[in-house]
Amino acid sequence: MPNIKSSKKDVLRTAIRNEKNRAAKSVLKTTLKKFDAALAEGNREQADSAYKAAVKTIDESVKKGILHKNTAARKKSSITLKLNKLA
């Protein structure tokens, strides 16, 4: 444990950031799993809504700095291809 006051604050800030990032990653993974589940069912309407939610979550993750923009582009491309195969 640090002795300097600013270092103590840094430890707290890091812990808070860690929790926020972990929560955001969890939301991202959940939306992607929901999209995969909708695809597995073969329901086009559910897949479309899950696709929109997944793309929105991916874009938010980029904005928050959780995903790199190229990683996000790859994920969006991948789920788009999966959705188009369903059609």
Protein backbone atom coordinates (compact mmCIF):
# COMPACT_ATOMS: atom_id res chain seq x y z
CA MET A 1 0.00 0.00 0.00
CA PRO A 2 1.44 3.40 -0.95
CA ASN A 3 2.24 6.06 1.61
CA ILE A 4 1.94 9.12 -0.62
CA LYS A 5 -1.51 10.65 -0.76
CA SER A 6 -1.62 10.98 -4.56
CA SER A 7 -0.50 7.37 -4.91
CA LYS A 8 -3.31 6.24 -2.63
CA LYS A 9 -5.75 8.15 -4.86
CA ASP A 10 -4.20 6.50 -7.92
CA VAL A 11 -4.86 3.08 -6.42
CA LEU A 12 -8.53 3.98 -5.84
CA ARG A 13 -8.91 5.42 -9.33
CA THR A 14 -7.37 2.32 -10.86
CA ALA A 15 -9.75 0.07 -8.93
CA ILE A 16 -12.75 2.12 -10.07
CA ARG A 17 -11.58 2.09 -13.71
CA ASN A 18 -10.98 -1.65 -13.49
CA GLU A 19 -14.55 -2.28 -12.33
CA LYS A 20 -16.05 -0.05 -15.02
CA ASN A 21 -14.00 -1.72 -17.75
CA ARG A 22 -14.90 -5.19 -16.47
CA ALA A 23 -18.61 -4.29 -16.44
CA ALA A 24 -18.44 -2.88 -19.97
CA LYS A 25 -16.64 -5.99 -21.25
CA SER A 26 -19.29 -8.15 -19.62
CA VAL A 27 -22.08 -6.21 -21.36
CA LEU A 28 -20.26 -6.58 -24.68
CA LYS A 29 -19.86 -10.34 -24.26
CA THR A 30 -23.51 -10.70 -23.21
CA THR A 31 -24.83 -8.88 -26.28
CA LEU A 32 -22.63 -10.96 -28.58
CA LYS A 33 -23.88 -14.16 -26.92
CA LYS A 34 -27.49 -13.00 -27.34
CA PHE A 35 -26.81 -12.40 -31.03
CA ASP A 36 -25.32 -15.89 -31.40
CA ALA A 37 -28.32 -17.39 -29.59
CA ALA A 38 -30.74 -15.58 -31.91
CA LEU A 39 -28.80 -16.90 -34.89
CA ALA A 40 -28.91 -20.42 -33.53
CA GLU A 41 -32.70 -20.20 -33.25
CA GLY A 42 -32.90 -19.04 -36.85
CA ASN A 43 -35.33 -16.24 -36.02
CA ARG A 44 -34.58 -13.35 -38.41
CA GLU A 45 -36.43 -10.66 -36.41
CA GLN A 46 -34.67 -11.53 -33.17
CA ALA A 47 -31.35 -11.75 -34.98
CA ASP A 48 -31.85 -8.29 -36.50
CA SER A 49 -32.60 -6.67 -33.16
CA ALA A 50 -29.73 -8.52 -31.48
CA TYR A 51 -27.45 -7.43 -34.34
CA LYS A 52 -28.35 -3.78 -33.83
CA ALA A 53 -27.76 -4.06 -30.09
CA ALA A 54 -24.41 -5.80 -30.64
CA VAL A 55 -23.18 -3.17 -33.11
CA LYS A 56 -24.24 -0.40 -30.74
CA THR A 57 -22.41 -2.05 -27.84
CA ILE A 58 -19.28 -2.56 -29.94
CA ASP A 59 -19.28 1.10 -30.95
CA GLU A 60 -19.73 2.18 -27.34
CA SER A 61 -16.82 -0.04 -26.32
CA VAL A 62 -14.59 1.70 -28.85
CA LYS A 63 -15.68 5.09 -27.57
CA LYS A 64 -14.88 4.05 -23.99
CA GLY A 65 -11.49 2.71 -25.04
CA ILE A 66 -12.25 -0.91 -24.23
CA LEU A 67 -11.83 -2.14 -27.81
CA HIS A 68 -9.44 -0.95 -30.50
CA LYS A 69 -11.23 0.40 -33.56
CA ASN A 70 -9.81 -2.33 -35.81
CA THR A 71 -10.93 -5.03 -33.38
CA ALA A 72 -14.40 -3.50 -33.39
CA ALA A 73 -14.46 -3.40 -37.19
CA ARG A 74 -13.46 -7.08 -37.31
CA LYS A 75 -16.19 -8.05 -34.81
CA LYS A 76 -18.85 -6.06 -36.68
CA SER A 77 -17.79 -7.58 -39.98
CA SER A 78 -17.92 -11.06 -38.48
CA ILE A 79 -21.42 -10.69 -37.06
CA THR A 80 -22.64 -9.07 -40.30
CA LEU A 81 -21.42 -12.07 -42.29
CA LYS A 82 -23.17 -14.41 -39.85
CA LEU A 83 -26.42 -12.43 -40.17
CA ASN A 84 -26.23 -12.44 -43.96
CA LYS A 85 -25.75 -16.21 -44.01
CA LEU A 86 -29.05 -16.55 -42.13
CA ALA A 87 -30.96 -14.79 -44.91
